[in-house]
Amino acid sequence: MALKANPYLDDTLLRNLQSFSPNANAQFLQAHSPQDPPLEVFILSVVVISGHNLPAKDILKQSSDPYCKLVIDGTEVAQTKTIEHELNPVWNERFDFKFFSQPSSVRLEVFDFDQAMNDDRIGAAKFSFNHFFNKRAQTASGEIEPYVGEKRLKGTKASTIKFKIFGRRFRPILQQRVVDGQRLVIEEKNAEIHDRQQQHARLLTENEQLVKRKQADKDTNALKVDEAVAAKQQPQKESSVAGETEIGVRSASSLAVYTQSDVLSISDDESVCVLLRVWQFMLNLMFYRFPMMGYYNDLLVLYIGYVLRLGMFQTLQSSQRSASRYKRRPAALLKLYEMEGDVQCKQVRETLSLLSLDCIIYPSFHQKVPVLRDENCHCELTGSAEIISYLHATYGGIDGYLSAFQRVVQYVINVRVCLLLYRFLYLSILRCLPQHGRASIVSESQRGEPSNDNLLELWSMEAAPSSTKVREVLSSLQMCYILRNTVSPKEKKLPVLIDTYTETEIVGDAEKMKQYLLKTYVE
């Protein structure tokens, strides 16, 4: 199942965020006023089942090669496969989409594929979402009663198309409040379990103390026996001490030689570290903090990384993603332990974005990364090659779920020369400062972080420079967050940061997100 990300944000919400003054931090940190509508998420699934009694567009063969296009709000978003020589085609293909505003309608257009000339239009059927989202029955979690129907294709006499629509409508922050209310019951049960565990721990402690007393009595008796034996063997012990002293002198001399060579190697490493620190200091002072130009220099470097990873072509892949047919989606979110300034971690995030997989990001600077944990399959994988192969095999799709264009782009950006150029030119020279996701910039005592029940959510596009800037801040602060891989070539309002802990939503401005994170979670 493929997720087509198309998060159009509410215009009123965008105007309120854009009206904030850059220096008014107090207004910036406030959540929306009660009269402003909260952010809504619409999840839509369209299943194109079959067509019936289609007209024959190929006169010689007396048949057609039909396929169906999905057009939502005037934009073509998906296309089924072509079934050759069939007037009653059966597609059974499902397409999934995400929206930040309610779509108005979907149009199913059926065409006859023609290799030599333009495809012939057979007919079209339209379905409005106004009645679907607003008047059909909904569950507490936002699930909407599915619609199954068969409509006549306009432009034909008796041709019809059968389809099914699933939907879900929910508000992340309001849904979080419902979860908080249910959490009270869980906390009471946890308190009862905690009391039982403490009682059990006290009994274990008392039992251990009794065992230690018995062992101490045995040790005392054994010590008395050993002292008696040692008194008889005193002359032999004095002779053995002289031999051990000579051995100790030889060991000390060899240790001195080892320490000297070790110091030489350490001094070499320190010289490299000194050069690196000098370069970082000069880069930070003369480039990123240069008066009037520091912001634009930072933006320039981000676009250099965007070009080195063929960000434009990776974005164009999203126009074909909704037509991809993936095997399945994980029930529980994947967990990725990674570092923003690492090329292997970059490859894994690009694969997650290509397959439209959401995950929880755990920034880590003290272990080998990347590491992927999948609780759905109870497995843990290390290294980009192993993780990427696993993701394609488990959450990819049937043969042909990647187009020829997608395969070419993936091959080019993973060529060894491109990886080395990105690693040394971009990561090691231009983007090597700690605040660029290369190291933690705060201590444990200075850093605040929401609980696991209120993790930040970042709706972003992996290839976008603005999304990279926000991920660098989160990585440098070592803050865990949920990464929602949302890619749309026409989207101009990403990234989106949702903080359910403070009920704050920030749209489109990476610099505001950076200042908010530093102001809120760094003392």
Protein backbone atom coordinates (compact mmCIF):
# COMPACT_ATOMS: atom_id res chain seq x y z
CA MET A 1 0.00 0.00 0.00
CA ALA A 2 1.52 3.38 -0.96
CA LEU A 3 0.87 6.63 0.90
CA LYS A 4 0.49 9.68 -1.35
CA ALA A 5 1.42 12.73 0.71
CA ASN A 6 -0.43 15.91 -0.32
CA PRO A 7 -0.74 17.98 2.91
CA TYR A 8 -2.54 21.19 1.92
CA LEU A 9 -2.71 23.33 5.06
CA ASP A 10 -5.63 25.49 6.11
CA ASP A 11 -5.32 29.08 4.78
CA THR A 12 -6.52 30.65 8.05
CA LEU A 13 -3.91 28.68 10.02
CA LEU A 14 -1.17 29.78 7.57
CA ARG A 15 -2.15 33.48 7.80
CA ASN A 16 -2.05 33.36 11.61
CA LEU A 17 1.44 31.84 11.58
CA GLN A 18 2.74 34.31 8.98
CA SER A 19 1.40 37.29 10.96
CA PHE A 20 3.79 36.58 13.87
CA SER A 21 6.56 39.15 14.31
CA PRO A 22 10.08 37.58 14.13
CA ASN A 23 10.99 39.23 17.46
CA ALA A 24 7.77 38.46 19.28
CA ASN A 25 8.77 35.19 20.94
CA ALA A 26 5.85 35.31 23.35
CA GLN A 27 3.33 35.37 20.50
CA PHE A 28 5.28 32.74 18.60
CA LEU A 29 5.15 30.24 21.48
CA GLN A 30 1.39 30.59 21.96
CA ALA A 31 -0.94 27.96 20.48
CA HIS A 32 -3.86 28.89 18.24
CA SER A 33 -6.69 30.89 19.72
CA PRO A 34 -10.03 29.06 20.24
CA GLN A 35 -11.61 30.63 17.14
CA ASP A 36 -8.85 29.30 14.85
CA PRO A 37 -9.48 25.78 13.48
CA PRO A 38 -6.94 23.19 14.67
CA LEU A 39 -4.91 21.21 12.17
CA GLU A 40 -6.89 18.32 10.65
CA VAL A 41 -5.56 15.27 8.84
CA PHE A 42 -7.61 13.50 6.15
CA ILE A 43 -6.52 9.99 5.15
CA LEU A 44 -8.19 8.75 1.98
CA SER A 45 -8.05 5.38 0.18
CA VAL A 46 -9.54 4.80 -3.29
CA VAL A 47 -9.86 1.24 -4.65
CA VAL A 48 -10.48 1.05 -8.40
CA ILE A 49 -12.18 -2.33 -8.76
CA SER A 50 -13.38 -2.87 -12.34
CA GLY A 51 -15.02 -1.50 -15.46
CA HIS A 52 -18.01 -2.97 -17.35
CA ASN A 53 -19.28 -2.79 -20.95
CA LEU A 54 -16.55 -0.47 -22.16
CA PRO A 55 -16.74 0.52 -25.85
CA ALA A 56 -14.19 -0.88 -28.33
CA LYS A 57 -11.80 1.88 -29.35
CA ASP A 58 -9.56 -0.39 -31.47
CA ILE A 59 -11.69 -0.93 -34.59
CA LEU A 60 -9.57 -3.72 -36.05
CA LYS A 61 -9.35 -5.74 -32.83
CA GLN A 62 -12.86 -4.83 -31.67
CA SER A 63 -11.45 -4.31 -28.20
CA SER A 64 -9.71 -1.76 -25.94
CA ASP A 65 -6.64 -1.53 -23.71
CA PRO A 66 -8.18 0.36 -20.78
CA TYR A 67 -6.52 2.04 -17.80
CA CYS A 68 -7.89 4.49 -15.21
CA LYS A 69 -6.52 7.83 -13.94
CA LEU A 70 -7.43 9.42 -10.59
CA VAL A 71 -7.77 13.22 -10.59
CA ILE A 72 -8.31 14.89 -7.18
CA ASP A 73 -9.24 18.59 -7.18
CA GLY A 74 -8.01 18.98 -10.74
CA THR A 75 -4.63 17.29 -10.17
CA GLU A 76 -3.74 13.86 -11.56
CA VAL A 77 -2.43 11.81 -8.63
CA ALA A 78 -2.49 8.16 -9.67
CA GLN A 79 -2.92 5.72 -12.56
CA THR A 80 -3.78 2.02 -12.73
CA LYS A 81 -2.05 -0.56 -14.86
CA THR A 82 -3.19 -1.14 -18.44
CA ILE A 83 -5.19 -4.29 -19.21
CA GLU A 84 -4.89 -5.27 -22.84
CA HIS A 85 -7.71 -6.53 -25.08
CA GLU A 86 -10.46 -6.31 -22.45
CA LEU A 87 -13.86 -4.59 -22.38
CA ASN A 88 -14.61 -5.66 -18.80
CA PRO A 89 -11.27 -4.97 -17.05
CA VAL A 90 -10.61 -5.85 -13.42
CA TRP A 91 -7.91 -3.67 -11.82
CA ASN A 92 -8.37 -4.11 -8.03
CA GLU A 93 -5.77 -1.44 -7.27
CA ARG A 94 -5.70 0.66 -4.11
CA PHE A 95 -4.27 4.18 -3.76
CA ASP A 96 -3.72 5.98 -0.42
CA PHE A 97 -3.39 9.72 0.16
CA LYS A 98 -2.81 12.17 3.05
CA PHE A 99 -4.27 15.71 3.13
CA PHE A 100 -4.18 18.62 5.60
CA SER A 101 -7.43 20.04 4.18
CA GLN A 102 -10.58 18.30 2.96
CA PRO A 103 -10.48 17.46 -0.78
CA SER A 104 -13.62 18.30 -2.72
CA SER A 105 -13.93 15.52 -5.31
CA VAL A 106 -12.23 12.72 -7.22
CA ARG A 107 -12.69 12.03 -10.94
CA LEU A 108 -12.04 8.57 -12.40
CA GLU A 109 -11.06 8.91 -16.07
CA VAL A 110 -10.85 5.80 -18.25
CA PHE A 111 -8.61 5.83 -21.36
CA ASP A 112 -7.68 3.39 -24.09
CA PHE A 113 -3.90 2.97 -24.39
CA ASP A 114 -2.54 3.52 -27.92
CA GLN A 115 1.16 3.11 -28.70
CA ALA A 116 1.18 4.93 -32.03
CA MET A 117 -1.16 7.85 -31.25
CA ASN A 118 -2.58 9.71 -28.29
CA ASP A 119 -4.65 7.63 -25.87
CA ASP A 120 -8.38 7.66 -26.60
CA ARG A 121 -10.69 8.91 -23.84
CA ILE A 122 -13.45 6.41 -23.00
CA GLY A 123 -15.33 8.25 -20.24
CA ALA A 124 -15.21 9.66 -16.71
CA ALA A 125 -17.10 9.41 -13.41
CA LYS A 126 -17.01 11.93 -10.55
CA PHE A 127 -17.46 11.42 -6.80
CA SER A 128 -17.85 14.30 -4.28
CA PHE A 129 -16.25 14.05 -0.83
CA ASN A 130 -18.48 16.64 0.88
CA HIS A 131 -21.18 14.11 1.76
CA PHE A 132 -18.58 11.39 2.44
CA PHE A 133 -16.59 13.28 5.10
CA ASN A 134 -19.42 15.28 6.70
CA LYS A 135 -22.53 13.05 6.73
CA ARG A 136 -21.41 9.41 6.84
CA ALA A 137 -21.05 7.60 10.19
CA GLN A 138 -17.69 7.94 11.98
CA THR A 139 -16.08 5.98 14.81
CA ALA A 140 -14.32 7.49 17.85
CA SER A 141 -10.94 7.16 16.10
CA GLY A 142 -12.18 9.04 13.01
CA GLU A 143 -12.81 6.00 10.76
CA ILE A 144 -15.57 6.76 8.21
CA GLU A 145 -18.05 4.18 6.93
CA PRO A 146 -16.66 2.93 3.57
CA TYR A 147 -18.45 3.73 0.32
CA VAL A 148 -18.88 1.07 -2.37
CA GLY A 149 -20.54 2.08 -5.59
CA GLU A 150 -20.75 1.73 -9.37
CA LYS A 151 -21.20 4.80 -11.57
CA ARG A 152 -21.86 5.29 -15.24
CA LEU A 153 -19.04 6.79 -17.28
CA LYS A 154 -20.06 10.08 -18.84
CA GLY A 155 -19.56 10.05 -22.60
CA THR A 156 -20.71 6.42 -22.95
CA LYS A 157 -24.08 4.72 -23.28
CA ALA A 158 -23.93 1.85 -20.78
CA SER A 159 -20.33 1.72 -19.51
CA THR A 160 -19.80 1.74 -15.75
CA ILE A 161 -16.89 1.74 -13.31
CA LYS A 162 -16.95 0.16 -9.86
CA PHE A 163 -14.87 1.58 -7.00
CA LYS A 164 -14.62 1.71 -3.20
CA ILE A 165 -13.59 4.60 -0.91
CA PHE A 166 -12.23 4.41 2.65
CA GLY A 167 -11.49 7.46 4.80
CA ARG A 168 -10.41 8.72 8.17
CA ARG A 169 -10.62 12.23 9.62
CA PHE A 170 -8.90 13.22 12.86
CA ARG A 171 -7.17 16.05 14.66
CA PRO A 172 -3.78 15.08 16.18
CA ILE A 173 -3.91 17.44 19.17
CA LEU A 174 -7.56 16.76 20.06
CA GLN A 175 -6.96 13.03 19.72
CA GLN A 176 -4.02 13.39 22.09
CA ARG A 177 -6.32 14.93 24.71
CA VAL A 178 -8.60 11.88 24.53
CA VAL A 179 -5.56 9.63 25.01
CA ASP A 180 -4.50 11.73 28.04
CA GLY A 181 -7.92 11.14 29.62
CA GLN A 182 -7.65 7.41 29.12
CA ARG A 183 -4.13 7.45 30.53
CA LEU A 184 -5.45 8.25 34.05
CA VAL A 185 -6.92 4.75 34.35
CA ILE A 186 -3.65 3.24 33.17
CA GLU A 187 -1.68 5.30 35.71
CA GLU A 188 -3.84 3.98 38.59
CA LYS A 189 -3.21 0.40 37.49
CA ASN A 190 0.50 1.13 37.13
CA ALA A 191 0.60 2.56 40.66
CA GLU A 192 -0.95 -0.65 41.99
CA ILE A 193 1.58 -2.73 40.07
CA HIS A 194 4.39 -0.51 41.38
CA ASP A 195 3.32 -1.11 45.00
CA ARG A 196 3.29 -4.86 44.43
CA GLN A 197 6.75 -4.69 42.85
CA GLN A 198 8.13 -2.71 45.80
CA GLN A 199 6.74 -5.28 48.22
CA HIS A 200 8.33 -8.04 46.17
CA ALA A 201 11.63 -6.16 46.10
CA ARG A 202 11.63 -5.81 49.92
CA LEU A 203 11.17 -9.54 50.33
CA LEU A 204 14.02 -10.22 47.92
CA THR A 205 16.28 -7.79 49.82
CA GLU A 206 15.56 -9.46 53.14
CA ASN A 207 16.28 -12.87 51.64
CA GLU A 208 19.60 -11.63 50.18
CA GLN A 209 20.64 -10.23 53.55
CA LEU A 210 20.03 -13.60 55.22
CA VAL A 211 22.10 -15.34 52.54
CA LYS A 212 24.95 -12.81 52.99
CA ARG A 213 25.00 -13.38 56.76
CA LYS A 214 25.35 -17.11 56.31
CA GLN A 215 28.07 -16.59 53.71
CA ALA A 216 29.92 -14.18 56.03
CA ASP A 217 29.94 -16.79 58.80
CA LYS A 218 31.42 -19.35 56.41
CA ASP A 219 34.07 -16.88 55.20
CA THR A 220 35.10 -16.11 58.77
CA ASN A 221 35.66 -19.76 59.55
CA ALA A 222 37.59 -20.26 56.30
CA LEU A 223 39.79 -17.20 57.06
CA LYS A 224 40.81 -18.65 60.39
CA VAL A 225 41.85 -21.88 58.71
CA ASP A 226 43.87 -19.98 56.06
CA GLU A 227 45.73 -17.93 58.69
CA ALA A 228 46.80 -21.10 60.43
CA VAL A 229 48.12 -22.58 57.19
CA ALA A 230 49.89 -19.30 56.24
CA ALA A 231 51.78 -19.24 59.51
CA LYS A 232 53.36 -22.59 58.67
CA GLN A 233 54.34 -21.52 55.10
CA GLN A 234 55.95 -18.11 55.96
CA PRO A 235 59.55 -19.02 54.92
CA GLN A 236 58.42 -20.18 51.47
CA LYS A 237 56.50 -16.95 50.93
CA GLU A 238 59.53 -14.69 51.53
CA SER A 239 61.55 -16.47 48.80
CA SER A 240 58.69 -16.13 46.31
CA VAL A 241 58.41 -12.36 46.96
CA ALA A 242 61.99 -11.82 45.70
CA GLY A 243 61.20 -13.58 42.41
CA GLU A 244 58.02 -11.54 41.91
CA THR A 245 59.95 -8.28 42.40
CA GLU A 246 62.29 -9.12 39.51
CA ILE A 247 59.37 -9.97 37.27
CA GLY A 248 57.68 -6.69 38.26
CA VAL A 249 60.71 -4.65 37.15
CA ARG A 250 60.70 -6.28 33.69
CA SER A 251 56.95 -5.68 33.35
CA ALA A 252 57.34 -2.00 34.29
CA SER A 253 60.00 -1.43 31.60
CA SER A 254 57.86 -3.02 28.88
CA LEU A 255 54.90 -0.93 30.03
CA ALA A 256 56.97 2.24 29.67
CA VAL A 257 57.84 1.36 26.06
CA TYR A 258 54.16 0.75 25.22
CA THR A 259 53.08 3.99 26.81
CA GLN A 260 55.64 5.99 24.81
CA SER A 261 54.46 4.58 21.47
CA ASP A 262 50.87 5.13 22.49
CA VAL A 263 51.59 8.77 23.28
CA LEU A 264 53.07 9.23 19.80
CA SER A 265 49.90 7.90 18.17
CA ILE A 266 47.72 10.04 20.44
CA SER A 267 49.73 13.13 19.56
CA ASP A 268 49.11 12.46 15.86
CA ASP A 269 45.39 12.16 16.49
CA GLU A 270 45.44 15.35 18.55
CA SER A 271 47.17 17.25 15.74
CA VAL A 272 44.35 16.25 13.39
CA CYS A 273 41.79 17.25 16.02
CA VAL A 274 43.47 20.65 16.42
CA LEU A 275 43.34 21.26 12.67
CA LEU A 276 39.69 20.21 12.62
CA ARG A 277 38.84 22.56 15.49
CA VAL A 278 40.62 25.46 13.78
CA TRP A 279 38.72 24.79 10.54
CA GLN A 280 35.40 24.56 12.41
CA PHE A 281 36.13 27.82 14.25
CA MET A 282 37.03 29.68 11.04
CA LEU A 283 34.05 28.19 9.15
CA ASN A 284 31.63 29.17 11.91
CA LEU A 285 33.04 32.68 12.41
CA MET A 286 33.79 33.73 8.83
CA PHE A 287 31.00 31.90 6.98
CA TYR A 288 27.95 30.89 9.03
CA ARG A 289 28.08 33.91 11.40
CA PHE A 290 29.32 36.47 8.89
CA PRO A 291 27.31 39.70 9.38
CA MET A 292 24.31 40.06 7.05
CA MET A 293 25.33 37.00 4.99
CA GLY A 294 25.42 34.15 7.52
CA TYR A 295 21.78 33.12 6.93
CA TYR A 296 22.22 33.08 3.14
CA ASN A 297 25.54 31.20 3.40
CA ASP A 298 23.79 28.54 5.50
CA LEU A 299 21.01 28.30 2.91
CA LEU A 300 23.58 28.04 0.11
CA VAL A 301 25.34 25.08 1.75
CA LEU A 302 22.00 23.32 2.31
CA TYR A 303 21.21 23.66 -1.41
CA ILE A 304 24.66 22.28 -2.28
CA GLY A 305 23.76 19.11 -0.35
CA TYR A 306 20.35 19.16 -2.07
CA VAL A 307 22.06 19.18 -5.48
CA LEU A 308 24.65 16.51 -4.56
CA ARG A 309 21.86 14.09 -3.62
CA LEU A 310 19.80 14.96 -6.74
CA GLY A 311 17.06 16.40 -4.54
CA MET A 312 15.07 17.74 -7.50
CA PHE A 313 14.85 14.31 -9.11
CA GLN A 314 14.04 12.62 -5.78
CA THR A 315 11.14 15.07 -5.42
CA LEU A 316 9.87 14.24 -8.92
CA GLN A 317 9.63 10.58 -7.88
CA SER A 318 6.70 11.49 -5.64
CA SER A 319 4.49 12.04 -8.70
CA GLN A 320 4.67 8.28 -9.36
CA ARG A 321 4.50 7.10 -5.76
CA SER A 322 0.72 6.85 -5.42
CA ALA A 323 0.64 4.44 -8.35
CA SER A 324 3.16 2.14 -6.70
CA ARG A 325 1.79 -1.04 -5.23
CA TYR A 326 3.42 -1.82 -1.93
CA LYS A 327 3.09 -5.08 -0.03
CA ARG A 328 2.01 -3.81 3.39
CA ARG A 329 2.42 -1.06 5.98
CA PRO A 330 3.93 -1.62 9.47
CA ALA A 331 1.37 -1.68 12.29
CA ALA A 332 3.90 -0.29 14.81
CA LEU A 333 6.23 2.56 13.89
CA LEU A 334 9.77 1.60 12.90
CA LYS A 335 12.60 2.81 15.19
CA LEU A 336 15.74 4.26 13.62
CA TYR A 337 18.87 5.04 15.64
CA GLU A 338 20.87 7.46 13.50
CA MET A 339 22.94 10.63 13.24
CA GLU A 340 22.03 13.45 10.85
CA GLY A 341 25.62 14.01 9.70
CA ASP A 342 26.20 10.44 8.47
CA VAL A 343 25.96 9.37 4.83
CA GLN A 344 24.69 5.83 5.60
CA CYS A 345 21.91 7.27 7.77
CA LYS A 346 21.07 9.61 4.87
CA GLN A 347 20.66 6.60 2.54
CA VAL A 348 18.30 4.86 5.00
CA ARG A 349 16.15 8.00 5.39
CA GLU A 350 15.95 8.38 1.61
CA THR A 351 14.70 4.78 1.34
CA LEU A 352 12.08 5.40 4.06
CA SER A 353 10.94 8.47 2.12
CA LEU A 354 10.82 6.53 -1.17
CA LEU A 355 8.63 3.82 0.43
CA SER A 356 6.57 6.43 2.36
CA LEU A 357 7.35 4.81 5.74
CA ASP A 358 7.00 6.77 8.98
CA CYS A 359 9.38 6.05 11.88
CA ILE A 360 10.62 7.21 15.29
CA ILE A 361 14.07 8.84 15.13
CA TYR A 362 16.50 8.30 18.02
CA PRO A 363 19.61 10.54 17.57
CA SER A 364 22.71 8.67 18.75
CA PHE A 365 26.37 9.73 18.85
CA HIS A 366 27.76 6.87 21.01
CA GLN A 367 27.05 3.73 18.99
CA LYS A 368 27.43 2.42 15.48
CA VAL A 369 24.67 3.84 13.29
CA PRO A 370 22.34 3.35 11.53
CA VAL A 371 20.39 0.75 13.52
CA LEU A 372 16.78 -0.16 12.60
CA ARG A 373 14.42 -1.94 14.98
CA ASP A 374 11.18 -3.37 13.61
CA GLU A 375 8.85 -4.58 16.38
CA ASN A 376 6.44 -5.88 13.75
CA CYS A 377 8.96 -8.57 12.71
CA HIS A 378 10.94 -8.62 16.00
CA CYS A 379 14.26 -7.88 14.32
CA GLU A 380 17.17 -5.45 14.58
CA LEU A 381 19.43 -4.54 11.65
CA THR A 382 22.70 -2.62 11.42
CA GLY A 383 24.29 -0.90 8.42
CA SER A 384 22.69 0.89 5.48
CA ALA A 385 22.99 -1.98 2.97
CA GLU A 386 21.27 -4.51 5.24
CA ILE A 387 18.54 -2.06 6.30
CA ILE A 388 17.75 -0.88 2.75
CA SER A 389 17.50 -4.46 1.46
CA TYR A 390 15.19 -5.36 4.35
CA LEU A 391 12.90 -2.35 3.78
CA HIS A 392 12.50 -3.10 0.06
CA ALA A 393 11.91 -6.80 0.70
CA THR A 394 9.43 -6.29 3.56
CA TYR A 395 7.64 -3.04 2.76
CA GLY A 396 8.35 -2.68 -0.96
CA GLY A 397 5.96 -4.07 -3.50
CA ILE A 398 5.40 -6.50 -6.34
CA ASP A 399 7.63 -6.50 -9.42
CA GLY A 400 7.64 -3.06 -11.02
CA TYR A 401 6.68 -1.07 -7.91
CA LEU A 402 9.62 1.23 -8.79
CA SER A 403 9.51 2.89 -12.19
CA ALA A 404 12.49 3.06 -14.54
CA PHE A 405 13.02 6.72 -13.61
CA GLN A 406 13.08 5.87 -9.87
CA ARG A 407 15.57 3.06 -10.44
CA VAL A 408 17.92 5.35 -12.39
CA VAL A 409 17.82 8.05 -9.71
CA GLN A 410 18.44 5.51 -6.92
CA TYR A 411 21.37 4.03 -8.84
CA VAL A 412 23.02 7.40 -9.52
CA ILE A 413 22.81 8.79 -5.96
CA ASN A 414 24.22 5.54 -4.53
CA VAL A 415 27.21 5.35 -6.88
CA ARG A 416 30.42 5.29 -4.84
CA VAL A 417 31.73 8.52 -6.41
CA CYS A 418 28.55 10.43 -5.50
CA LEU A 419 28.61 9.07 -1.95
CA LEU A 420 32.28 10.05 -1.47
CA LEU A 421 31.66 13.52 -2.90
CA TYR A 422 28.67 14.05 -0.59
CA ARG A 423 30.55 12.69 2.43
CA PHE A 424 33.82 14.62 2.10
CA LEU A 425 32.78 17.84 0.35
CA TYR A 426 29.44 18.41 2.09
CA LEU A 427 29.52 16.55 5.44
CA SER A 428 33.25 16.73 6.28
CA ILE A 429 34.11 20.22 4.95
CA LEU A 430 31.02 22.42 4.59
CA ARG A 431 28.57 20.90 7.11
CA CYS A 432 30.91 19.72 9.89
CA LEU A 433 29.90 21.88 12.88
CA PRO A 434 28.34 20.26 15.99
CA GLN A 435 25.09 22.21 15.51
CA HIS A 436 24.71 20.56 12.09
CA GLY A 437 23.69 17.28 13.71
CA ARG A 438 27.27 16.04 14.16
CA ALA A 439 27.36 16.12 17.99
CA SER A 440 25.29 17.06 21.03
CA ILE A 441 25.38 20.80 21.74
CA VAL A 442 23.81 20.66 25.24
CA SER A 443 24.43 18.64 28.38
CA GLU A 444 21.87 16.35 30.00
CA SER A 445 21.15 18.94 32.72
CA GLN A 446 20.44 21.69 30.17
CA ARG A 447 18.25 19.65 27.84
CA GLY A 448 14.52 19.24 28.35
CA GLU A 449 12.52 16.69 26.39
CA PRO A 450 8.83 15.72 26.18
CA SER A 451 7.80 12.29 27.41
CA ASN A 452 7.47 9.28 25.12
CA ASP A 453 3.71 9.87 25.06
CA ASN A 454 4.17 13.41 23.67
CA LEU A 455 6.89 13.01 21.05
CA LEU A 456 7.34 15.79 18.52
CA GLU A 457 6.02 15.10 15.02
CA LEU A 458 7.92 16.40 11.98
CA TRP A 459 6.09 16.23 8.64
CA SER A 460 8.91 16.73 6.17
CA MET A 461 10.35 15.95 2.76
CA GLU A 462 13.74 14.22 3.01
CA ALA A 463 15.26 16.04 0.03
CA ALA A 464 14.12 19.56 1.09
CA PRO A 465 16.86 21.86 2.54
CA SER A 466 14.41 23.37 5.07
CA SER A 467 13.57 19.92 6.42
CA THR A 468 17.30 19.14 6.74
CA LYS A 469 17.79 22.25 8.86
CA VAL A 470 15.10 21.20 11.37
CA ARG A 471 16.40 17.62 11.56
CA GLU A 472 19.91 18.95 12.31
CA VAL A 473 18.61 20.88 15.33
CA LEU A 474 16.69 17.86 16.66
CA SER A 475 19.76 15.65 16.19
CA SER A 476 22.08 18.14 17.96
CA LEU A 477 19.63 18.34 20.88
CA GLN A 478 19.36 14.50 20.91
CA MET A 479 15.56 14.74 20.92
CA CYS A 480 13.50 11.75 19.85
CA TYR A 481 10.71 12.55 17.38
CA ILE A 482 8.28 10.97 14.94
CA LEU A 483 9.29 11.50 11.30
CA ARG A 484 6.33 11.60 8.89
CA ASN A 485 7.70 11.17 5.38
CA THR A 486 5.53 13.50 3.33
CA VAL A 487 6.58 14.23 -0.25
CA SER A 488 4.70 16.28 -2.82
CA PRO A 489 6.36 18.05 -5.78
CA LYS A 490 3.87 20.96 -5.64
CA GLU A 491 3.94 21.40 -1.84
CA LYS A 492 5.33 24.76 -0.68
CA LYS A 493 4.45 24.66 3.02
CA LEU A 494 6.71 21.93 4.39
CA PRO A 495 8.09 21.21 6.91
CA VAL A 496 5.39 21.07 9.62
CA LEU A 497 6.32 20.67 13.32
CA ILE A 498 3.61 19.50 15.76
CA ASP A 499 4.33 19.61 19.50
CA THR A 500 1.45 18.01 21.40
CA TYR A 501 3.27 18.67 24.70
CA THR A 502 2.85 22.46 24.35
CA GLU A 503 0.00 22.26 21.78
CA THR A 504 2.07 24.20 19.24
CA GLU A 505 2.04 23.87 15.45
CA ILE A 506 4.61 25.58 13.23
CA VAL A 507 4.25 25.53 9.45
CA GLY A 508 6.80 26.13 6.71
CA ASP A 509 9.45 28.25 8.51
CA ALA A 510 12.52 26.21 9.48
CA GLU A 511 14.19 29.15 11.24
CA LYS A 512 11.15 29.61 13.52
CA MET A 513 11.19 25.90 14.31
CA LYS A 514 14.88 26.10 15.24
CA GLN A 515 14.34 29.07 17.58
CA TYR A 516 11.28 27.39 19.13
CA LEU A 517 13.15 24.17 19.90
CA LEU A 518 16.09 26.04 21.46
CA LYS A 519 13.78 28.32 23.48
CA THR A 520 11.48 25.53 24.72
CA TYR A 521 13.79 22.56 25.34
CA VAL A 522 17.16 24.14 26.26
CA GLU A 523 17.43 25.79 29.69
